[in-house]
Amino acid sequence: MQLNEQIAAIANTLLPSFIPKDQTETTLSFHFTLPPDSSYKVFFEKDAKAKWQFLRYEEVLR
């Protein structure tokens, strides 16, 4: 599995914990860390059917 696919899969698994309570929100982002020391920020956007779609990620450097 390529890194992009791995990050998208993890982000989609974590997504339910980060869905905004405000249903009018159309974008969201959150951070997570993959052991031992890789951190990522992921971005989602709500589509026309109100489903959250993974857009992209960026590595967070410490």
N, C-alpha and C. Protein backbone atom coordinates (compact mmCIF):
# COMPACT_ATOMS: atom_id res chain seq x y z
N MET A 1 0.86 -1.17 0.00
CA MET A 1 0.00 0.00 0.00
C MET A 1 0.90 1.24 0.00
N GLN A 2 0.62 2.17 -0.89
CA GLN A 2 1.39 3.40 -0.96
C GLN A 2 1.06 4.30 0.22
N LEU A 3 1.99 5.20 0.53
CA LEU A 3 1.81 6.07 1.69
C LEU A 3 0.53 6.88 1.60
N ASN A 4 0.22 7.44 0.42
CA ASN A 4 -0.99 8.25 0.26
C ASN A 4 -2.24 7.42 0.58
N GLU A 5 -2.28 6.19 0.09
CA GLU A 5 -3.43 5.31 0.35
C GLU A 5 -3.50 4.94 1.84
N GLN A 6 -2.35 4.71 2.45
CA GLN A 6 -2.30 4.35 3.87
C GLN A 6 -2.81 5.52 4.72
N ILE A 7 -2.35 6.71 4.43
CA ILE A 7 -2.78 7.88 5.20
C ILE A 7 -4.27 8.13 5.01
N ALA A 8 -4.76 8.01 3.77
CA ALA A 8 -6.20 8.19 3.51
C ALA A 8 -7.02 7.16 4.27
N ALA A 9 -6.57 5.91 4.30
CA ALA A 9 -7.30 4.86 5.01
C ALA A 9 -7.35 5.13 6.51
N ILE A 10 -6.23 5.54 7.08
CA ILE A 10 -6.20 5.86 8.51
C ILE A 10 -7.08 7.07 8.80
N ALA A 11 -6.97 8.10 7.96
CA ALA A 11 -7.77 9.31 8.15
C ALA A 11 -9.26 9.00 8.09
N ASN A 12 -9.66 8.16 7.14
CA ASN A 12 -11.08 7.80 7.04
C ASN A 12 -11.55 7.00 8.25
N THR A 13 -10.66 6.20 8.82
CA THR A 13 -11.00 5.45 10.03
C THR A 13 -11.18 6.38 11.23
N LEU A 14 -10.33 7.40 11.32
CA LEU A 14 -10.40 8.35 12.43
C LEU A 14 -11.49 9.41 12.25
N LEU A 15 -11.93 9.61 11.03
CA LEU A 15 -12.87 10.68 10.69
C LEU A 15 -14.08 10.81 11.61
N PRO A 16 -14.78 9.74 11.96
CA PRO A 16 -15.99 9.91 12.79
C PRO A 16 -15.76 10.66 14.10
N SER A 17 -14.55 10.58 14.63
CA SER A 17 -14.24 11.28 15.88
C SER A 17 -14.07 12.78 15.69
N PHE A 18 -13.93 13.23 14.44
CA PHE A 18 -13.63 14.64 14.18
C PHE A 18 -14.73 15.37 13.41
N ILE A 19 -15.83 14.71 13.10
CA ILE A 19 -16.90 15.36 12.35
C ILE A 19 -17.49 16.49 13.19
N PRO A 20 -17.56 17.69 12.63
CA PRO A 20 -18.07 18.84 13.39
C PRO A 20 -19.54 18.66 13.78
N LYS A 21 -19.89 19.18 14.95
CA LYS A 21 -21.28 19.13 15.39
C LYS A 21 -22.14 20.08 14.55
N ASP A 22 -21.54 21.15 14.06
CA ASP A 22 -22.22 22.11 13.20
C ASP A 22 -22.34 21.51 11.80
N GLN A 23 -23.54 21.12 11.42
CA GLN A 23 -23.74 20.45 10.14
C GLN A 23 -23.57 21.36 8.93
N THR A 24 -23.43 22.67 9.16
CA THR A 24 -23.20 23.58 8.03
C THR A 24 -21.73 23.65 7.65
N GLU A 25 -20.85 23.09 8.48
CA GLU A 25 -19.42 23.07 8.14
C GLU A 25 -19.20 22.23 6.89
N THR A 26 -18.32 22.68 6.02
CA THR A 26 -18.06 21.95 4.78
C THR A 26 -16.62 21.47 4.65
N THR A 27 -15.74 21.89 5.57
CA THR A 27 -14.36 21.43 5.55
C THR A 27 -13.93 21.09 6.97
N LEU A 28 -12.94 20.21 7.06
CA LEU A 28 -12.35 19.90 8.35
C LEU A 28 -10.94 19.39 8.14
N SER A 29 -10.15 19.50 9.18
CA SER A 29 -8.79 18.95 9.16
C SER A 29 -8.45 18.49 10.57
N PHE A 30 -7.52 17.55 10.65
CA PHE A 30 -7.02 17.08 11.94
C PHE A 30 -5.65 16.46 11.75
N HIS A 31 -4.93 16.32 12.87
CA HIS A 31 -3.59 15.74 12.88
C HIS A 31 -3.64 14.34 13.48
N PHE A 32 -2.70 13.50 13.04
CA PHE A 32 -2.47 12.23 13.72
C PHE A 32 -1.01 11.84 13.53
N THR A 33 -0.55 10.93 14.36
CA THR A 33 0.84 10.48 14.32
C THR A 33 0.89 8.99 14.06
N LEU A 34 1.79 8.60 13.16
CA LEU A 34 2.07 7.19 12.92
C LEU A 34 3.38 6.86 13.63
N PRO A 35 3.39 5.82 14.44
CA PRO A 35 4.62 5.45 15.13
C PRO A 35 5.71 5.08 14.11
N PRO A 36 6.96 5.36 14.36
CA PRO A 36 7.42 5.90 15.62
C PRO A 36 7.35 7.43 15.70
N ASP A 37 7.43 8.14 14.57
CA ASP A 37 7.55 9.60 14.70
C ASP A 37 7.15 10.35 13.43
N SER A 38 6.08 9.95 12.78
CA SER A 38 5.62 10.65 11.57
C SER A 38 4.25 11.24 11.85
N SER A 39 4.14 12.56 11.70
CA SER A 39 2.87 13.24 11.96
C SER A 39 2.31 13.81 10.67
N TYR A 40 0.98 13.77 10.55
CA TYR A 40 0.32 14.23 9.33
C TYR A 40 -0.89 15.07 9.68
N LYS A 41 -1.16 16.05 8.83
CA LYS A 41 -2.40 16.82 8.90
C LYS A 41 -3.20 16.42 7.68
N VAL A 42 -4.46 16.06 7.88
CA VAL A 42 -5.31 15.61 6.77
C VAL A 42 -6.48 16.58 6.61
N PHE A 43 -6.96 16.67 5.37
CA PHE A 43 -8.01 17.62 5.03
C PHE A 43 -9.16 16.88 4.35
N PHE A 44 -10.38 17.24 4.75
CA PHE A 44 -11.59 16.66 4.18
C PHE A 44 -12.52 17.78 3.74
N GLU A 45 -13.39 17.44 2.79
CA GLU A 45 -14.42 18.38 2.34
C GLU A 45 -15.72 17.60 2.19
N LYS A 46 -16.83 18.24 2.55
CA LYS A 46 -18.14 17.60 2.43
C LYS A 46 -18.62 17.74 0.99
N ASP A 47 -19.04 16.63 0.38
CA ASP A 47 -19.51 16.67 -1.00
C ASP A 47 -21.00 17.03 -1.08
N ALA A 48 -21.54 17.04 -2.28
CA ALA A 48 -22.94 17.43 -2.51
C ALA A 48 -23.93 16.50 -1.80
N LYS A 49 -23.50 15.27 -1.51
CA LYS A 49 -24.37 14.32 -0.81
C LYS A 49 -24.11 14.32 0.70
N ALA A 50 -23.40 15.34 1.18
CA ALA A 50 -23.08 15.51 2.60
C ALA A 50 -22.18 14.40 3.15
N LYS A 51 -21.35 13.82 2.28
CA LYS A 51 -20.38 12.81 2.72
C LYS A 51 -19.00 13.46 2.73
N TRP A 52 -18.22 13.14 3.75
CA TRP A 52 -16.88 13.70 3.87
C TRP A 52 -15.92 12.95 2.95
N GLN A 53 -15.19 13.72 2.14
CA GLN A 53 -14.24 13.15 1.18
C GLN A 53 -12.82 13.59 1.54
N PHE A 54 -11.92 12.63 1.58
CA PHE A 54 -10.50 12.92 1.83
C PHE A 54 -9.97 13.74 0.67
N LEU A 55 -9.30 14.85 0.97
CA LEU A 55 -8.73 15.70 -0.07
C LEU A 55 -7.23 15.50 -0.22
N ARG A 56 -6.53 15.68 0.89
CA ARG A 56 -5.07 15.65 0.82
C ARG A 56 -4.49 15.54 2.23
N TYR A 57 -3.19 15.39 2.27
CA TYR A 57 -2.49 15.40 3.55
C TYR A 57 -1.19 16.18 3.39
N GLU A 58 -0.65 16.59 4.51
CA GLU A 58 0.69 17.17 4.51
C GLU A 58 1.43 16.63 5.73
N GLU A 59 2.71 16.39 5.55
CA GLU A 59 3.52 15.93 6.67
C GLU A 59 3.79 17.11 7.59
N VAL A 60 3.68 16.88 8.88
CA VAL A 60 3.95 17.92 9.87
C VAL A 60 5.35 17.68 10.42
N LEU A 61 6.23 18.64 10.18
CA LEU A 61 7.61 18.51 10.64
C LEU A 61 7.74 19.12 12.02
N ARG A 62 8.50 18.46 12.86
CA ARG A 62 8.71 18.97 14.22
C ARG A 62 10.07 19.57 14.37
